[in-house]
Amino acid sequence: MRSAVKKKNLIGALLGLVALAIFPVLSGNPYYIHLVETIMIYAILLFGLDIVVGYTGRSRWDTRGCSASARTRRACCSSSSACRST
């Protein structure tokens, strides 16, 4: 059963790669080629982020960055009059 599923996944992956390889030749339209390239670049970045977040267990990058930024601003601006807007 497992080998049948692996074989089906392998065939699907190979068909997808062949379709991506043939697409620029069949399309010929630079806009669609650029669109597919951009989508593939973002997909690669997303897979990389998925691996990093999966290994580190950090899923709340944005909130930690915002709170650190707020603490730094508060520490820098508490004694300086340049940060205060009147």
PDB file of N, CA and C in Angstrom:
ATOM      1  N   MET A   1       0.827  -1.201   0.000  1.00  0.00           N
ATOM      2  CA  MET A   1       0.000   0.000   0.000  1.00  0.00           C
ATOM      3  C   MET A   1       0.865   1.256   0.000  1.00  0.00           C
ATOM      4  N   ARG A   2       1.913   1.270   0.843  1.00  0.00           N
ATOM      5  CA  ARG A   2       2.777   2.449   0.934  1.00  0.00           C
ATOM      6  C   ARG A   2       3.541   2.676  -0.352  1.00  0.00           C
ATOM      7  N   SER A   3       3.998   1.613  -0.981  1.00  0.00           N
ATOM      8  CA  SER A   3       4.769   1.781  -2.209  1.00  0.00           C
ATOM      9  C   SER A   3       3.888   2.332  -3.331  1.00  0.00           C
ATOM     10  N   ALA A   4       2.605   1.994  -3.317  1.00  0.00           N
ATOM     11  CA  ALA A   4       1.691   2.527  -4.327  1.00  0.00           C
ATOM     12  C   ALA A   4       1.491   4.026  -4.136  1.00  0.00           C
ATOM     13  N   VAL A   5       1.407   4.458  -2.891  1.00  0.00           N
ATOM     14  CA  VAL A   5       1.246   5.883  -2.600  1.00  0.00           C
ATOM     15  C   VAL A   5       2.519   6.641  -2.960  1.00  0.00           C
ATOM     16  N   LYS A   6       3.681   6.082  -2.625  1.00  0.00           N
ATOM     17  CA  LYS A   6       4.949   6.718  -2.970  1.00  0.00           C
ATOM     18  C   LYS A   6       5.112   6.821  -4.486  1.00  0.00           C
ATOM     19  N   LYS A   7       4.711   5.756  -5.181  1.00  0.00           N
ATOM     20  CA  LYS A   7       4.826   5.752  -6.637  1.00  0.00           C
ATOM     21  C   LYS A   7       3.900   6.802  -7.248  1.00  0.00           C
ATOM     22  N   LYS A   8       2.706   6.930  -6.699  1.00  0.00           N
ATOM     23  CA  LYS A   8       1.752   7.923  -7.196  1.00  0.00           C
ATOM     24  C   LYS A   8       2.265   9.336  -6.932  1.00  0.00           C
ATOM     25  N   ASN A   9       2.860   9.575  -5.768  1.00  0.00           N
ATOM     26  CA  ASN A   9       3.431  10.887  -5.451  1.00  0.00           C
ATOM     27  C   ASN A   9       4.610  11.200  -6.355  1.00  0.00           C
ATOM     28  N   LEU A  10       5.440  10.199  -6.639  1.00  0.00           N
ATOM     29  CA  LEU A  10       6.588  10.391  -7.509  1.00  0.00           C
ATOM     30  C   LEU A  10       6.147  10.733  -8.927  1.00  0.00           C
ATOM     31  N   ILE A  11       5.144  10.042  -9.409  1.00  0.00           N
ATOM     32  CA  ILE A  11       4.630  10.318 -10.758  1.00  0.00           C
ATOM     33  C   ILE A  11       4.032  11.723 -10.820  1.00  0.00           C
ATOM     34  N   GLY A  12       3.297  12.112  -9.786  1.00  0.00           N
ATOM     35  CA  GLY A  12       2.723  13.452  -9.747  1.00  0.00           C
ATOM     36  C   GLY A  12       3.788  14.534  -9.720  1.00  0.00           C
ATOM     37  N   ALA A  13       4.846  14.306  -8.947  1.00  0.00           N
ATOM     38  CA  ALA A  13       5.934  15.276  -8.876  1.00  0.00           C
ATOM     39  C   ALA A  13       6.665  15.381 -10.209  1.00  0.00           C
ATOM     40  N   LEU A  14       6.899  14.259 -10.844  1.00  0.00           N
ATOM     41  CA  LEU A  14       7.566  14.278 -12.152  1.00  0.00           C
ATOM     42  C   LEU A  14       6.713  14.971 -13.212  1.00  0.00           C
ATOM     43  N   LEU A  15       5.420  14.731 -13.198  1.00  0.00           N
ATOM     44  CA  LEU A  15       4.527  15.413 -14.145  1.00  0.00           C
ATOM     45  C   LEU A  15       4.515  16.917 -13.899  1.00  0.00           C
ATOM     46  N   GLY A  16       4.549  17.325 -12.640  1.00  0.00           N
ATOM     47  CA  GLY A  16       4.596  18.746 -12.317  1.00  0.00           C
ATOM     48  C   GLY A  16       5.881  19.398 -12.790  1.00  0.00           C
ATOM     49  N   LEU A  17       6.999  18.709 -12.615  1.00  0.00           N
ATOM     50  CA  LEU A  17       8.278  19.247 -13.084  1.00  0.00           C
ATOM     51  C   LEU A  17       8.321  19.342 -14.605  1.00  0.00           C
ATOM     52  N   VAL A  18       7.778  18.337 -15.278  1.00  0.00           N
ATOM     53  CA  VAL A  18       7.733  18.375 -16.744  1.00  0.00           C
ATOM     54  C   VAL A  18       6.847  19.529 -17.208  1.00  0.00           C
ATOM     55  N   ALA A  19       5.715  19.727 -16.537  1.00  0.00           N
ATOM     56  CA  ALA A  19       4.818  20.831 -16.905  1.00  0.00           C
ATOM     57  C   ALA A  19       5.497  22.181 -16.702  1.00  0.00           C
ATOM     58  N   LEU A  20       6.258  22.327 -15.611  1.00  0.00           N
ATOM     59  CA  LEU A  20       6.987  23.583 -15.380  1.00  0.00           C
ATOM     60  C   LEU A  20       8.096  23.791 -16.405  1.00  0.00           C
ATOM     61  N   ALA A  21       8.710  22.697 -16.851  1.00  0.00           N
ATOM     62  CA  ALA A  21       9.784  22.817 -17.842  1.00  0.00           C
ATOM     63  C   ALA A  21       9.239  23.161 -19.225  1.00  0.00           C
ATOM     64  N   ILE A  22       8.058  22.671 -19.545  1.00  0.00           N
ATOM     65  CA  ILE A  22       7.476  22.902 -20.869  1.00  0.00           C
ATOM     66  C   ILE A  22       6.723  24.229 -20.938  1.00  0.00           C
ATOM     67  N   PHE A  23       6.280  24.740 -19.803  1.00  0.00           N
ATOM     68  CA  PHE A  23       5.440  25.946 -19.784  1.00  0.00           C
ATOM     69  C   PHE A  23       6.031  27.138 -20.535  1.00  0.00           C
ATOM     70  N   PRO A  24       7.298  27.507 -20.330  1.00  0.00           N
ATOM     71  CA  PRO A  24       7.825  28.680 -21.053  1.00  0.00           C
ATOM     72  C   PRO A  24       7.835  28.498 -22.567  1.00  0.00           C
ATOM     73  N   VAL A  25       8.056  27.278 -23.006  1.00  0.00           N
ATOM     74  CA  VAL A  25       8.095  27.016 -24.450  1.00  0.00           C
ATOM     75  C   VAL A  25       6.705  27.152 -25.053  1.00  0.00           C
ATOM     76  N   LEU A  26       5.716  26.605 -24.375  1.00  0.00           N
ATOM     77  CA  LEU A  26       4.350  26.637 -24.901  1.00  0.00           C
ATOM     78  C   LEU A  26       3.701  28.002 -24.746  1.00  0.00           C
ATOM     79  N   SER A  27       4.020  28.695 -23.659  1.00  0.00           N
ATOM     80  CA  SER A  27       3.370  29.977 -23.402  1.00  0.00           C
ATOM     81  C   SER A  27       3.893  31.060 -24.333  1.00  0.00           C
ATOM     82  N   GLY A  28       5.166  31.319 -24.265  1.00  0.00           N
ATOM     83  CA  GLY A  28       5.751  32.358 -25.097  1.00  0.00           C
ATOM     84  C   GLY A  28       5.445  33.773 -24.645  1.00  0.00           C
ATOM     85  N   ASN A  29       4.527  33.940 -23.730  1.00  0.00           N
ATOM     86  CA  ASN A  29       4.149  35.258 -23.233  1.00  0.00           C
ATOM     87  C   ASN A  29       5.036  35.603 -22.031  1.00  0.00           C
ATOM     88  N   PRO A  30       5.839  36.660 -22.120  1.00  0.00           N
ATOM     89  CA  PRO A  30       6.751  36.990 -21.014  1.00  0.00           C
ATOM     90  C   PRO A  30       6.037  37.296 -19.699  1.00  0.00           C
ATOM     91  N   TYR A  31       4.822  37.837 -19.782  1.00  0.00           N
ATOM     92  CA  TYR A  31       4.086  38.158 -18.551  1.00  0.00           C
ATOM     93  C   TYR A  31       3.783  36.890 -17.762  1.00  0.00           C
ATOM     94  N   TYR A  32       3.281  35.861 -18.429  1.00  0.00           N
ATOM     95  CA  TYR A  32       2.939  34.626 -17.731  1.00  0.00           C
ATOM     96  C   TYR A  32       4.185  33.893 -17.240  1.00  0.00           C
ATOM     97  N   ILE A  33       5.261  33.977 -17.990  1.00  0.00           N
ATOM     98  CA  ILE A  33       6.507  33.359 -17.547  1.00  0.00           C
ATOM     99  C   ILE A  33       7.000  34.047 -16.277  1.00  0.00           C
ATOM    100  N   HIS A  34       6.962  35.366 -16.255  1.00  0.00           N
ATOM    101  CA  HIS A  34       7.376  36.116 -15.060  1.00  0.00           C
ATOM    102  C   HIS A  34       6.450  35.809 -13.884  1.00  0.00           C
ATOM    103  N   LEU A  35       5.165  35.686 -14.132  1.00  0.00           N
ATOM    104  CA  LEU A  35       4.204  35.382 -13.080  1.00  0.00           C
ATOM    105  C   LEU A  35       4.499  34.024 -12.446  1.00  0.00           C
ATOM    106  N   VAL A  36       4.753  33.027 -13.273  1.00  0.00           N
ATOM    107  CA  VAL A  36       5.060  31.693 -12.745  1.00  0.00           C
ATOM    108  C   VAL A  36       6.393  31.707 -12.009  1.00  0.00           C
ATOM    109  N   GLU A  37       7.378  32.434 -12.514  1.00  0.00           N
ATOM    110  CA  GLU A  37       8.665  32.541 -11.815  1.00  0.00           C
ATOM    111  C   GLU A  37       8.489  33.156 -10.428  1.00  0.00           C
ATOM    112  N   THR A  38       7.707  34.218 -10.355  1.00  0.00           N
ATOM    113  CA  THR A  38       7.482  34.881  -9.069  1.00  0.00           C
ATOM    114  C   THR A  38       6.758  33.958  -8.097  1.00  0.00           C
ATOM    115  N   ILE A  39       5.768  33.242  -8.575  1.00  0.00           N
ATOM    116  CA  ILE A  39       5.043  32.299  -7.711  1.00  0.00           C
ATOM    117  C   ILE A  39       5.976  31.217  -7.207  1.00  0.00           C
ATOM    118  N   MET A  40       6.857  30.718  -8.060  1.00  0.00           N
ATOM    119  CA  MET A  40       7.795  29.672  -7.651  1.00  0.00           C
ATOM    120  C   MET A  40       8.817  30.199  -6.635  1.00  0.00           C
ATOM    121  N   ILE A  41       9.268  31.416  -6.807  1.00  0.00           N
ATOM    122  CA  ILE A  41      10.205  32.002  -5.839  1.00  0.00           C
ATOM    123  C   ILE A  41       9.543  32.121  -4.479  1.00  0.00           C
ATOM    124  N   TYR A  42       8.308  32.607  -4.444  1.00  0.00           N
ATOM    125  CA  TYR A  42       7.611  32.712  -3.162  1.00  0.00           C
ATOM    126  C   TYR A  42       7.326  31.340  -2.570  1.00  0.00           C
ATOM    127  N   ALA A  43       7.083  30.343  -3.404  1.00  0.00           N
ATOM    128  CA  ALA A  43       6.865  28.986  -2.888  1.00  0.00           C
ATOM    129  C   ALA A  43       8.132  28.454  -2.235  1.00  0.00           C
ATOM    130  N   ILE A  44       9.285  28.700  -2.857  1.00  0.00           N
ATOM    131  CA  ILE A  44      10.553  28.257  -2.273  1.00  0.00           C
ATOM    132  C   ILE A  44      10.790  28.965  -0.934  1.00  0.00           C
ATOM    133  N   LEU A  45      10.538  30.264  -0.887  1.00  0.00           N
ATOM    134  CA  LEU A  45      10.698  31.001   0.373  1.00  0.00           C
ATOM    135  C   LEU A  45       9.746  30.481   1.445  1.00  0.00           C
ATOM    136  N   LEU A  46       8.529  30.146   1.045  1.00  0.00           N
ATOM    137  CA  LEU A  46       7.555  29.631   1.995  1.00  0.00           C
ATOM    138  C   LEU A  46       7.978  28.283   2.548  1.00  0.00           C
ATOM    139  N   PHE A  47       8.521  27.419   1.691  1.00  0.00           N
ATOM    140  CA  PHE A  47       8.987  26.116   2.179  1.00  0.00           C
ATOM    141  C   PHE A  47      10.157  26.292   3.146  1.00  0.00           C
ATOM    142  N   GLY A  48      11.044  27.233   2.857  1.00  0.00           N
ATOM    143  CA  GLY A  48      12.152  27.504   3.766  1.00  0.00           C
ATOM    144  C   GLY A  48      11.674  28.012   5.110  1.00  0.00           C
ATOM    145  N   LEU A  49      10.706  28.920   5.083  1.00  0.00           N
ATOM    146  CA  LEU A  49      10.151  29.439   6.333  1.00  0.00           C
ATOM    147  C   LEU A  49       9.441  28.341   7.106  1.00  0.00           C
ATOM    148  N   ASP A  50       8.766  27.451   6.404  1.00  0.00           N
ATOM    149  CA  ASP A  50       8.081  26.341   7.049  1.00  0.00           C
ATOM    150  C   ASP A  50       9.078  25.441   7.776  1.00  0.00           C
ATOM    151  N   ILE A  51      10.226  25.200   7.154  1.00  0.00           N
ATOM    152  CA  ILE A  51      11.253  24.374   7.791  1.00  0.00           C
ATOM    153  C   ILE A  51      11.814  25.082   9.022  1.00  0.00           C
ATOM    154  N   VAL A  52      12.113  26.369   8.900  1.00  0.00           N
ATOM    155  CA  VAL A  52      12.685  27.111  10.030  1.00  0.00           C
ATOM    156  C   VAL A  52      11.708  27.162  11.189  1.00  0.00           C
ATOM    157  N   VAL A  53      10.472  27.472  10.916  1.00  0.00           N
ATOM    158  CA  VAL A  53       9.476  27.561  11.989  1.00  0.00           C
ATOM    159  C   VAL A  53       9.206  26.183  12.580  1.00  0.00           C
ATOM    160  N   GLY A  54       9.256  25.157  11.753  1.00  0.00           N
ATOM    161  CA  GLY A  54       9.030  23.806  12.256  1.00  0.00           C
ATOM    162  C   GLY A  54      10.130  23.334  13.180  1.00  0.00           C
ATOM    163  N   TYR A  55      11.381  23.646  12.859  1.00  0.00           N
ATOM    164  CA  TYR A  55      12.493  23.210  13.702  1.00  0.00           C
ATOM    165  C   TYR A  55      12.635  24.046  14.965  1.00  0.00           C
ATOM    166  N   THR A  56      12.388  25.323  14.876  1.00  0.00           N
ATOM    167  CA  THR A  56      12.592  26.171  16.043  1.00  0.00           C
ATOM    168  C   THR A  56      11.357  26.268  16.918  1.00  0.00           C
ATOM    169  N   GLY A  57      10.207  26.035  16.369  1.00  0.00           N
ATOM    170  CA  GLY A  57       8.983  26.134  17.147  1.00  0.00           C
ATOM    171  C   GLY A  57       8.515  27.559  17.350  1.00  0.00           C
ATOM    172  N   ARG A  58       9.119  28.493  16.652  1.00  0.00           N
ATOM    173  CA  ARG A  58       8.730  29.905  16.787  1.00  0.00           C
ATOM    174  C   ARG A  58       7.645  30.199  15.766  1.00  0.00           C
ATOM    175  N   SER A  59       6.476  30.493  16.237  1.00  0.00           N
ATOM    176  CA  SER A  59       5.398  30.793  15.309  1.00  0.00           C
ATOM    177  C   SER A  59       4.892  32.220  15.457  1.00  0.00           C
ATOM    178  N   ARG A  60       5.469  32.978  16.365  1.00  0.00           N
ATOM    179  CA  ARG A  60       4.989  34.343  16.589  1.00  0.00           C
ATOM    180  C   ARG A  60       6.134  35.329  16.419  1.00  0.00           C
ATOM    181  N   TRP A  61       6.732  35.358  15.248  1.00  0.00           N
ATOM    182  CA  TRP A  61       7.857  36.236  14.967  1.00  0.00           C
ATOM    183  C   TRP A  61       7.440  37.700  15.016  1.00  0.00           C
ATOM    184  N   ASP A  62       6.256  37.995  14.500  1.00  0.00           N
ATOM    185  CA  ASP A  62       5.844  39.389  14.379  1.00  0.00           C
ATOM    186  C   ASP A  62       5.616  40.042  15.739  1.00  0.00           C
ATOM    187  N   THR A  63       4.993  39.359  16.670  1.00  0.00           N
ATOM    188  CA  THR A  63       4.692  39.990  17.947  1.00  0.00           C
ATOM    189  C   THR A  63       5.958  40.203  18.764  1.00  0.00           C
ATOM    190  N   ARG A  64       6.899  39.303  18.670  1.00  0.00           N
ATOM    191  CA  ARG A  64       8.149  39.470  19.414  1.00  0.00           C
ATOM    192  C   ARG A  64       8.936  40.660  18.866  1.00  0.00           C
ATOM    193  N   GLY A  65       8.957  40.816  17.576  1.00  0.00           N
ATOM    194  CA  GLY A  65       9.672  41.939  16.969  1.00  0.00           C
ATOM    195  C   GLY A  65       9.041  43.267  17.330  1.00  0.00           C
ATOM    196  N   CYS A  66       7.717  43.320  17.333  1.00  0.00           N
ATOM    197  CA  CYS A  66       7.034  44.576  17.657  1.00  0.00           C
ATOM    198  C   CYS A  66       7.242  44.952  19.114  1.00  0.00           C
ATOM    199  N   SER A  67       7.196  43.986  20.001  1.00  0.00           N
ATOM    200  CA  SER A  67       7.381  44.328  21.413  1.00  0.00           C
ATOM    201  C   SER A  67       8.827  44.741  21.688  1.00  0.00           C
ATOM    202  N   ALA A  68       9.788  44.111  21.018  1.00  0.00           N
ATOM    203  CA  ALA A  68      11.186  44.517  21.191  1.00  0.00           C
ATOM    204  C   ALA A  68      11.396  45.925  20.653  1.00  0.00           C
ATOM    205  N   SER A  69      10.765  46.225  19.548  1.00  0.00           N
ATOM    206  CA  SER A  69      10.873  47.563  18.972  1.00  0.00           C
ATOM    207  C   SER A  69      10.274  48.601  19.904  1.00  0.00           C
ATOM    208  N   ALA A  70       9.152  48.292  20.500  1.00  0.00           N
ATOM    209  CA  ALA A  70       8.505  49.237  21.422  1.00  0.00           C
ATOM    210  C   ALA A  70       9.353  49.453  22.668  1.00  0.00           C
ATOM    211  N   ARG A  71       9.957  48.396  23.195  1.00  0.00           N
ATOM    212  CA  ARG A  71      10.806  48.539  24.381  1.00  0.00           C
ATOM    213  C   ARG A  71      12.030  49.384  24.070  1.00  0.00           C
ATOM    214  N   THR A  72      12.624  49.170  22.898  1.00  0.00           N
ATOM    215  CA  THR A  72      13.811  49.940  22.524  1.00  0.00           C
ATOM    216  C   THR A  72      13.458  51.403  22.372  1.00  0.00           C
ATOM    217  N   ARG A  73      12.356  51.700  21.727  1.00  0.00           N
ATOM    218  CA  ARG A  73      11.946  53.082  21.530  1.00  0.00           C
ATOM    219  C   ARG A  73      11.666  53.751  22.873  1.00  0.00           C
ATOM    220  N   ARG A  74      11.011  53.028  23.762  1.00  0.00           N
ATOM    221  CA  ARG A  74      10.694  53.581  25.070  1.00  0.00           C
ATOM    222  C   ARG A  74      11.970  53.874  25.857  1.00  0.00           C
ATOM    223  N   ALA A  75      12.941  52.972  25.767  1.00  0.00           N
ATOM    224  CA  ALA A  75      14.191  53.174  26.499  1.00  0.00           C
ATOM    225  C   ALA A  75      14.987  54.332  25.926  1.00  0.00           C
ATOM    226  N   CYS A  76      14.987  54.484  24.613  1.00  0.00           N
ATOM    227  CA  CYS A  76      15.743  55.554  23.985  1.00  0.00           C
ATOM    228  C   CYS A  76      15.046  56.912  24.164  1.00  0.00           C
ATOM    229  N   CYS A  77      13.767  56.921  24.145  1.00  0.00           N
ATOM    230  CA  CYS A  77      13.033  58.178  24.133  1.00  0.00           C
ATOM    231  C   CYS A  77      12.613  58.649  25.518  1.00  0.00           C
ATOM    232  N   SER A  78      12.834  57.870  26.535  1.00  0.00           N
ATOM    233  CA  SER A  78      12.361  58.293  27.854  1.00  0.00           C
ATOM    234  C   SER A  78      13.133  59.490  28.383  1.00  0.00           C
ATOM    235  N   SER A  79      14.421  59.589  28.063  1.00  0.00           N
ATOM    236  CA  SER A  79      15.208  60.689  28.608  1.00  0.00           C
ATOM    237  C   SER A  79      15.468  61.771  27.568  1.00  0.00           C
ATOM    238  N   SER A  80      15.183  61.508  26.319  1.00  0.00           N
ATOM    239  CA  SER A  80      15.488  62.465  25.261  1.00  0.00           C
ATOM    240  C   SER A  80      14.253  63.292  24.921  1.00  0.00           C
ATOM    241  N   SER A  81      14.450  64.560  24.741  1.00  0.00           N
ATOM    242  CA  SER A  81      13.317  65.420  24.365  1.00  0.00           C
ATOM    243  C   SER A  81      13.072  65.399  22.869  1.00  0.00           C
ATOM    244  N   ALA A  82      13.998  64.803  22.101  1.00  0.00           N
ATOM    245  CA  ALA A  82      13.837  64.764  20.655  1.00  0.00           C
ATOM    246  C   ALA A  82      12.700  63.841  20.239  1.00  0.00           C
ATOM    247  N   CYS A  83      12.403  62.831  21.032  1.00  0.00           N
ATOM    248  CA  CYS A  83      11.357  61.877  20.672  1.00  0.00           C
ATOM    249  C   CYS A  83       9.980  62.379  21.040  1.00  0.00           C
ATOM    250  N   ARG A  84       9.903  63.293  21.969  1.00  0.00           N
ATOM    251  CA  ARG A  84       8.595  63.770  22.422  1.00  0.00           C
ATOM    252  C   ARG A  84       8.019  64.765  21.419  1.00  0.00           C
ATOM    253  N   SER A  85       6.796  64.521  21.035  1.00  0.00           N
ATOM    254  CA  SER A  85       6.153  65.470  20.123  1.00  0.00           C
ATOM    255  C   SER A  85       5.149  66.294  20.910  1.00  0.00           C
ATOM    256  N   THR A  86       5.237  67.606  20.793  1.00  0.00           N
ATOM    257  CA  THR A  86       4.333  68.472  21.558  1.00  0.00           C
ATOM    258  C   THR A  86       3.461  69.254  20.624  1.00  0.00           C
TER     259      THR A  86
END
